[in-house]
N, C-alpha and C. Protein backbone atom coordinates (compact mmCIF):
# COMPACT_ATOMS: atom_id res chain seq x y z
N MET A 1 123.44 140.91 119.15
CA MET A 1 122.03 140.27 118.36
C MET A 1 121.91 140.01 117.10
N GLY A 2 121.60 140.07 116.14
CA GLY A 2 121.02 140.59 114.38
C GLY A 2 119.93 141.26 114.58
N ASP A 3 119.85 141.86 113.48
CA ASP A 3 118.50 142.63 113.06
C ASP A 3 117.34 141.68 112.70
N MET A 4 116.42 142.51 112.81
CA MET A 4 115.31 141.99 112.35
C MET A 4 114.43 142.48 111.39
N ILE A 5 114.11 140.85 110.11
CA ILE A 5 113.79 141.68 108.88
C ILE A 5 112.61 141.28 108.60
N CYS A 6 111.50 142.75 108.59
CA CYS A 6 110.06 142.87 108.26
C CYS A 6 109.81 142.49 107.26
N LYS A 7 108.91 141.55 107.27
CA LYS A 7 108.64 140.48 106.18
C LYS A 7 108.03 141.29 104.95
N ILE A 8 107.67 142.09 104.89
CA ILE A 8 107.25 142.65 104.06
C ILE A 8 107.91 143.49 102.44
N CYS A 9 109.15 144.57 104.05
CA CYS A 9 110.22 145.01 102.36
C CYS A 9 110.97 145.02 103.22
N GLY A 10 111.14 143.86 104.34
CA GLY A 10 112.65 143.73 104.40
C GLY A 10 113.81 144.41 104.73
N GLU A 11 113.49 145.07 104.85
CA GLU A 11 113.66 146.59 105.90
C GLU A 11 114.30 145.87 107.40
N PRO A 12 115.97 145.79 107.75
CA PRO A 12 116.42 145.77 108.80
C PRO A 12 116.25 146.97 110.29
N TRP A 13 115.95 145.95 111.36
CA TRP A 13 115.46 146.54 112.28
C TRP A 13 116.33 145.85 113.53
N ASP A 14 116.62 147.10 114.85
CA ASP A 14 117.51 145.87 115.08
C ASP A 14 117.09 145.59 116.36
N ALA A 15 117.09 144.54 117.22
CA ALA A 15 115.87 144.20 118.38
C ALA A 15 115.77 145.53 119.55
N TYR A 16 116.39 146.60 119.74
CA TYR A 16 115.66 147.27 120.93
C TYR A 16 115.87 147.94 120.35
N GLY A 17 115.64 148.52 118.50
CA GLY A 17 114.47 150.02 118.12
C GLY A 17 112.89 149.24 118.27
N VAL A 18 112.95 147.82 118.17
CA VAL A 18 111.41 146.95 118.11
C VAL A 18 111.35 146.90 118.93
N GLN A 19 112.15 146.61 120.50
CA GLN A 19 110.96 147.31 121.85
C GLN A 19 110.78 148.02 122.00
N HIS A 20 111.66 149.09 121.94
CA HIS A 20 111.58 150.38 122.10
C HIS A 20 111.29 151.66 121.75
N ASP A 21 111.32 151.42 120.98
CA ASP A 21 111.35 152.91 119.38
C ASP A 21 109.77 152.83 118.52
N PHE A 22 108.89 151.14 118.93
CA PHE A 22 107.64 150.88 118.29
C PHE A 22 106.12 151.35 119.33
N THR A 23 105.31 151.27 118.16
CA THR A 23 104.25 151.97 119.75
C THR A 23 104.17 150.32 119.35
N ALA A 24 103.15 150.31 120.26
CA ALA A 24 102.63 148.85 120.55
C ALA A 24 101.62 148.71 119.71
N ALA A 25 101.18 148.87 119.03
CA ALA A 25 100.95 149.04 117.52
C ALA A 25 101.20 148.35 116.36
N GLU A 26 102.73 149.18 116.40
CA GLU A 26 103.84 148.68 115.00
C GLU A 26 104.42 147.57 115.18
N ARG A 27 104.73 147.47 117.45
CA ARG A 27 105.38 145.94 117.07
C ARG A 27 104.62 144.67 117.70
N SER A 28 103.70 145.17 117.14
CA SER A 28 102.95 143.75 117.53
C SER A 28 102.62 142.92 115.84
N ASN A 29 102.54 144.79 114.57
CA ASN A 29 102.15 144.08 113.44
C ASN A 29 103.58 143.93 112.91
N PHE A 30 104.46 144.14 113.45
CA PHE A 30 106.42 144.16 113.04
C PHE A 30 106.42 142.49 113.30
N LEU A 31 105.92 142.55 114.39
CA LEU A 31 106.28 140.55 114.81
C LEU A 31 105.71 139.76 114.22
N ASN A 32 104.50 140.65 113.68
CA ASN A 32 103.18 139.15 113.17
C ASN A 32 103.82 139.02 111.93
N GLY A 33 104.09 139.59 110.76
CA GLY A 33 104.90 139.49 109.92
C GLY A 33 103.76 140.32 109.22
N LYS A 34 103.25 141.50 109.72
CA LYS A 34 102.52 142.81 108.81
C LYS A 34 102.77 144.22 108.43
N GLY A 35 104.18 144.18 108.77
CA GLY A 35 104.99 145.57 107.70
C GLY A 35 105.08 145.71 109.41
N CYS A 36 106.46 147.24 109.08
CA CYS A 36 107.10 147.93 110.17
C CYS A 36 106.29 149.25 109.66
N PRO A 37 107.35 150.02 110.27
CA PRO A 37 106.84 152.13 110.07
C PRO A 37 107.25 152.10 108.86
N CYS A 38 108.67 151.70 108.15
CA CYS A 38 108.40 151.54 106.95
C CYS A 38 107.61 152.22 105.43
N CYS A 39 107.61 150.54 105.65
CA CYS A 39 106.26 150.01 104.40
C CYS A 39 104.55 149.83 105.25
N LYS A 40 104.67 150.30 106.56
CA LYS A 40 103.03 150.21 106.44
C LYS A 40 102.06 149.12 106.18
N GLY A 41 103.06 147.68 106.20
CA GLY A 41 102.55 147.22 105.71
C GLY A 41 102.19 146.80 104.11
N LYS A 42 102.97 147.04 103.22
CA LYS A 42 102.31 147.31 101.67
C LYS A 42 103.28 147.35 100.87
N SER A 43 103.50 146.60 100.14
CA SER A 43 105.21 146.77 99.30
C SER A 43 104.28 146.89 97.57
N ASP A 44 105.48 147.04 97.17
CA ASP A 44 105.87 147.87 95.39
C ASP A 44 106.03 146.17 94.83
N ASN A 45 106.21 145.65 95.71
CA ASN A 45 106.98 144.38 95.41
C ASN A 45 106.76 142.68 96.24
N PRO A 46 105.53 143.09 96.08
CA PRO A 46 104.66 141.68 96.66
C PRO A 46 105.66 140.62 96.52
N LYS A 47 106.28 139.60 97.77
CA LYS A 47 106.52 138.38 98.19
C LYS A 47 105.46 137.08 97.76
N PRO A 48 105.63 135.66 97.49
CA PRO A 48 104.86 134.87 97.08
C PRO A 48 104.67 134.55 98.21
N ASP A 49 104.20 133.70 98.67
CA ASP A 49 103.87 132.42 100.05
C ASP A 49 104.47 131.46 99.95
N LEU A 50 104.94 130.76 100.73
CA LEU A 50 105.94 129.96 99.92
C LEU A 50 105.27 128.75 100.14
N GLU A 51 104.02 128.14 100.28
CA GLU A 51 103.44 127.68 99.47
C GLU A 51 102.81 128.14 97.95
N THR A 52 102.75 129.08 97.97
CA THR A 52 102.73 129.17 96.43
C THR A 52 104.25 128.42 95.64
N VAL A 53 104.79 129.02 95.70
CA VAL A 53 106.70 128.85 95.58
C VAL A 53 106.56 127.71 95.33
N ILE A 54 106.12 126.14 96.31
CA ILE A 54 106.59 125.15 96.47
C ILE A 54 105.09 124.67 95.43
N TRP A 55 104.07 124.67 95.36
CA TRP A 55 103.75 123.86 94.17
C TRP A 55 103.81 124.75 92.87
N SER A 56 104.02 125.79 92.94
CA SER A 56 104.60 126.03 91.42
C SER A 56 105.96 125.94 90.87
N HIS A 57 106.93 125.05 91.75
CA HIS A 57 108.44 123.77 91.52
C HIS A 57 107.48 122.81 90.93
N VAL A 58 106.63 122.33 91.67
CA VAL A 58 106.23 120.76 91.40
C VAL A 58 105.70 120.71 90.37
N ASN A 59 104.58 121.98 89.95
CA ASN A 59 104.36 121.81 88.36
C ASN A 59 104.68 122.44 87.85
N ASN A 60 106.55 122.98 87.79
CA ASN A 60 107.15 123.06 86.51
C ASN A 60 108.80 122.59 87.31
N GLN A 61 109.18 121.74 87.14
CA GLN A 61 110.32 120.30 88.07
C GLN A 61 111.84 121.24 86.99
N ASP A 62 111.55 122.34 85.85
CA ASP A 62 113.00 122.75 85.75
C ASP A 62 114.07 123.77 86.24
N THR A 63 113.91 123.75 87.55
CA THR A 63 114.59 124.73 87.95
C THR A 63 114.67 124.19 89.38
N ASP A 64 116.18 123.89 90.34
CA ASP A 64 116.31 123.61 91.90
C ASP A 64 115.55 124.43 92.22
N PRO A 65 115.31 124.06 93.54
CA PRO A 65 113.50 124.66 94.39
C PRO A 65 114.52 125.79 94.69
N LEU A 66 116.25 125.33 95.98
CA LEU A 66 116.03 126.58 96.19
C LEU A 66 116.32 127.64 95.41
N GLU A 67 116.68 127.17 94.44
CA GLU A 67 117.07 127.98 93.80
C GLU A 67 115.80 128.99 92.87
N THR A 68 114.61 129.07 92.98
CA THR A 68 113.32 129.08 92.55
C THR A 68 113.24 130.36 93.83
N ILE A 69 113.54 129.75 95.54
CA ILE A 69 112.45 130.46 96.70
C ILE A 69 113.97 131.50 96.72
N ASP A 70 115.41 131.60 96.18
CA ASP A 70 116.22 132.39 96.55
C ASP A 70 115.98 133.68 95.17
N ARG A 71 115.26 132.80 93.94
CA ARG A 71 115.00 134.41 93.27
C ARG A 71 114.04 134.96 93.23
N LEU A 72 113.08 134.73 94.39
CA LEU A 72 111.17 134.82 94.47
C LEU A 72 111.92 135.66 95.62
N TYR A 73 112.91 135.33 96.71
CA TYR A 73 112.75 136.23 98.12
C TYR A 73 114.02 137.25 98.32
N THR A 74 114.73 136.93 96.86
CA THR A 74 116.36 138.00 97.56
C THR A 74 115.94 139.00 96.49
N ASP A 75 116.49 139.99 95.82
CA ASP A 75 115.90 141.58 95.60
C ASP A 75 116.99 141.31 94.58
N GLN A 76 116.09 141.60 93.61
CA GLN A 76 117.86 141.25 92.56
C GLN A 76 117.98 142.18 92.05
């Protein structure tokens, strides 16, 4: 099974670690997209939600929407 990625900081975690090494609260937060033990739900580089990305593209159609999403959601 592949890594599970934290939605806040992007840290990869293996599924076994999430199920067996996290506390119940850490596991719940991680699985609900609220962060992992590394970031504790805080990010130095917060990512906009997908709805913001879509409306940004609708209002500014000079870029490919997938390019916009890729630019916003990947570390550069």
